[in-house]
C-alpha atoms as a PDB file:
ATOM      1  CA  MET A   1      88.462 101.060  68.124  1.00  0.00           C
ATOM      2  CA  GLU A   2      89.356  97.498  67.215  1.00  0.00           C
ATOM      3  CA  THR A   3      87.069  94.645  68.224  1.00  0.00           C
ATOM      4  CA  ASN A   4      89.800  93.091  70.374  1.00  0.00           C
ATOM      5  CA  GLU A   5      90.272  96.370  72.267  1.00  0.00           C
ATOM      6  CA  ILE A   6      86.518  96.714  72.797  1.00  0.00           C
ATOM      7  CA  LYS A   7      86.374  93.181  74.203  1.00  0.00           C
ATOM      8  CA  LYS A   8      89.326  93.920  76.490  1.00  0.00           C
ATOM      9  CA  LEU A   9      87.674  97.090  77.786  1.00  0.00           C
ATOM     10  CA  ALA A  10      84.404  95.245  78.421  1.00  0.00           C
ATOM     11  CA  TYR A  11      86.282  92.517  80.271  1.00  0.00           C
ATOM     12  CA  LEU A  12      88.236  95.107  82.263  1.00  0.00           C
ATOM     13  CA  LYS A  13      84.978  96.833  83.238  1.00  0.00           C
ATOM     14  CA  LYS A  14      83.580  93.484  84.431  1.00  0.00           C
ATOM     15  CA  LEU A  15      86.761  92.770  86.428  1.00  0.00           C
ATOM     16  CA  THR A  16      86.776  96.140  88.118  1.00  0.00           C
ATOM     17  CA  ALA A  17      83.092  95.901  89.067  1.00  0.00           C
ATOM     18  CA  ARG A  18      83.720  92.490  90.644  1.00  0.00           C
ATOM     19  CA  ASN A  19      87.111  93.042  92.298  1.00  0.00           C
ATOM     20  CA  LEU A  20      87.673  96.697  93.175  1.00  0.00           C
ATOM     21  CA  SER A  21      85.816  96.561  96.471  1.00  0.00           C
ATOM     22  CA  THR A  22      88.186  97.775  99.204  1.00  0.00           C
ATOM     23  CA  LEU A  23      87.443 101.472  98.702  1.00  0.00           C
ATOM     24  CA  LYS A  24      83.864 102.691  98.976  1.00  0.00           C
ATOM     25  CA  SER A  25      82.720 106.124  97.845  1.00  0.00           C
ATOM     26  CA  SER A  26      82.147 108.439 100.803  1.00  0.00           C
ATOM     27  CA  ASN A  27      78.819 109.647  99.325  1.00  0.00           C
ATOM     28  CA  ASP A  28      79.503 113.251 100.345  1.00  0.00           C
ATOM     29  CA  ASN A  29      80.465 114.550  96.882  1.00  0.00           C
ATOM     30  CA  THR A  30      84.078 115.214  97.923  1.00  0.00           C
ATOM     31  CA  GLY A  31      85.526 112.541  95.675  1.00  0.00           C
ATOM     32  CA  SER A  32      87.020 110.752  98.675  1.00  0.00           C
ATOM     33  CA  TYR A  33      86.786 107.078  99.572  1.00  0.00           C
ATOM     34  CA  ALA A  34      86.697 105.012 102.757  1.00  0.00           C
ATOM     35  CA  ALA A  35      88.113 101.601 103.643  1.00  0.00           C
ATOM     36  CA  GLN A  36      86.219  99.563 106.208  1.00  0.00           C
ATOM     37  CA  ILE A  37      87.646  97.672 109.171  1.00  0.00           C
ATOM     38  CA  LYS A  38      85.372  95.096 110.776  1.00  0.00           C
ATOM     39  CA  LEU A  39      85.353  95.132 114.565  1.00  0.00           C
ATOM     40  CA  SER A  40      83.200  93.167 116.975  1.00  0.00           C
ATOM     41  CA  ASN A  41      82.411  95.999 119.418  1.00  0.00           C
ATOM     42  CA  TYR A  42      83.484  99.357 120.857  1.00  0.00           C
ATOM     43  CA  SER A  43      85.913  97.656 123.235  1.00  0.00           C
ATOM     44  CA  GLU A  44      87.837  96.189 120.336  1.00  0.00           C
ATOM     45  CA  LEU A  45      87.837  99.570 118.588  1.00  0.00           C
ATOM     46  CA  GLY A  46      89.187 101.225 121.737  1.00  0.00           C
ATOM     47  CA  CYS A  47      91.840  98.540 122.083  1.00  0.00           C
ATOM     48  CA  VAL A  48      92.981  98.995 118.485  1.00  0.00           C
ATOM     49  CA  ILE A  49      93.176 102.774 118.849  1.00  0.00           C
ATOM     50  CA  ALA A  50      95.117 102.460 122.133  1.00  0.00           C
ATOM     51  CA  GLU A  51      97.586  99.999 120.592  1.00  0.00           C
ATOM     52  CA  ILE A  52      98.193 102.238 117.585  1.00  0.00           C
ATOM     53  CA  LEU A  53      98.769 105.232 119.851  1.00  0.00           C
ATOM     54  CA  LYS A  54     101.228 103.266 122.035  1.00  0.00           C
ATOM     55  CA  LEU A  55     103.092 102.097 118.952  1.00  0.00           C
ATOM     56  CA  CYS A  56     103.307 105.688 117.691  1.00  0.00           C
ATOM     57  CA  ILE A  57     104.615 106.905 121.067  1.00  0.00           C
ATOM     58  CA  VAL A  58     107.360 104.302 121.083  1.00  0.00           C
ATOM     59  CA  ALA A  59     108.167 104.976 117.417  1.00  0.00           C
ATOM     60  CA  LEU A  60     108.557 108.699 118.100  1.00  0.00           C
ATOM     61  CA  ASP A  61     110.577 108.327 121.281  1.00  0.00           C
ATOM     62  CA  TYR A  62     111.896 104.884 122.141  1.00  0.00           C
ATOM     63  CA  ASP A  63     112.734 105.959 125.706  1.00  0.00           C
ATOM     64  CA  ALA A  64     109.127 107.128 126.258  1.00  0.00           C
ATOM     65  CA  HIS A  65     108.063 103.589 127.179  1.00  0.00           C
ATOM     66  CA  ARG A  66     110.359 103.734 130.234  1.00  0.00           C
ATOM     67  CA  ALA A  67     108.717 106.914 131.549  1.00  0.00           C
ATOM     68  CA  SER A  68     105.134 105.921 130.719  1.00  0.00           C
ATOM     69  CA  ASN A  69     103.161 103.879 133.227  1.00  0.00           C
ATOM     70  CA  THR A  70     100.523 103.103 130.593  1.00  0.00           C
ATOM     71  CA  ILE A  71     102.956 101.506 128.165  1.00  0.00           C
ATOM     72  CA  LYS A  72     104.881  99.707 130.941  1.00  0.00           C
ATOM     73  CA  THR A  73     101.793  98.016 132.341  1.00  0.00           C
ATOM     74  CA  SER A  74     100.370  96.977 128.994  1.00  0.00           C
ATOM     75  CA  PRO A  75     102.869  96.045 126.303  1.00  0.00           C
ATOM     76  CA  ILE A  76     102.038  96.911 122.713  1.00  0.00           C
ATOM     77  CA  ASN A  77      99.901  94.279 121.019  1.00  0.00           C
ATOM     78  CA  VAL A  78     101.672  94.286 117.652  1.00  0.00           C
ATOM     79  CA  ALA A  79      99.670  91.266 116.474  1.00  0.00           C
ATOM     80  CA  LEU A  80      96.428  93.232 116.849  1.00  0.00           C
ATOM     81  CA  ILE A  81      97.807  96.140 114.845  1.00  0.00           C
ATOM     82  CA  LEU A  82      99.088  93.838 112.118  1.00  0.00           C
ATOM     83  CA  GLU A  83      95.712  92.078 112.002  1.00  0.00           C
ATOM     84  CA  MET A  84      93.983  95.416 111.331  1.00  0.00           C
ATOM     85  CA  VAL A  85      96.488  96.266 108.601  1.00  0.00           C
ATOM     86  CA  LEU A  86      95.940  92.837 107.039  1.00  0.00           C
ATOM     87  CA  GLU A  87      92.182  93.441 107.060  1.00  0.00           C
ATOM     88  CA  MET A  88      92.736  96.629 105.068  1.00  0.00           C
ATOM     89  CA  PHE A  89      95.038  94.952 102.544  1.00  0.00           C
ATOM     90  CA  PRO A  90      93.305  95.041  99.141  1.00  0.00           C
ATOM     91  CA  THR A  91      93.556  91.361  98.143  1.00  0.00           C
ATOM     92  CA  ASP A  92      90.901  91.621  95.419  1.00  0.00           C
ATOM     93  CA  GLU A  93      92.717  94.561  93.909  1.00  0.00           C
ATOM     94  CA  MET A  94      95.936  92.528  93.720  1.00  0.00           C
ATOM     95  CA  GLU A  95      94.063  89.851  91.755  1.00  0.00           C
ATOM     96  CA  ILE A  96      92.772  92.397  89.266  1.00  0.00           C
ATOM     97  CA  LEU A  97      96.291  93.770  88.803  1.00  0.00           C
ATOM     98  CA  ASP A  98      97.389  90.244  87.858  1.00  0.00           C
ATOM     99  CA  GLU A  99      94.542  90.053  85.333  1.00  0.00           C
ATOM    100  CA  ILE A 100      95.412  93.466  83.874  1.00  0.00           C
ATOM    101  CA  TYR A 101      99.067  92.495  83.634  1.00  0.00           C
ATOM    102  CA  GLN A 102      98.175  89.279  81.799  1.00  0.00           C
ATOM    103  CA  MET A 103      95.719  91.093  79.556  1.00  0.00           C
ATOM    104  CA  PHE A 104      97.847  94.065  78.517  1.00  0.00           C
ATOM    105  CA  ILE A 105     101.483  93.116  79.125  1.00  0.00           C
ATOM    106  CA  ALA A 106     102.094  89.362  79.148  1.00  0.00           C
ATOM    107  CA  ASN A 107      99.490  88.304  76.571  1.00  0.00           C
ATOM    108  CA  PRO A 108      98.193  91.418  74.796  1.00  0.00           C
ATOM    109  CA  ASP A 109      96.341  89.390  72.139  1.00  0.00           C
ATOM    110  CA  VAL A 110      94.439  87.172  74.605  1.00  0.00           C
ATOM    111  CA  ILE A 111      91.132  88.312  76.098  1.00  0.00           C
ATOM    112  CA  GLY A 112      90.143  87.068  79.555  1.00  0.00           C
ATOM    113  CA  GLU A 113      86.964  85.117  80.127  1.00  0.00           C
END
């Protein structure tokens, strides 16, 4: 392997160790991973689950919100759901994709530092 390629691979290994942090190994030897959502307490967890369920009910049957007392009395908190999705968004991974693009596509002869 060429020296430049070896340097690129070493740099790529360093980037991945630093930036690929959204998924954590499940430690149960299944090869699966977990993404973590930070919540302040069980009440917030319950609220998030309830909001997701209400959103799913409405998505499946738009008229269901008219027949449901639960959904009528508490409108769907879309902001809360979007906040949870944003928390799961892999920002660090997007940065490493930029680095990989620059390293292998845009400037294949330049090694990152």
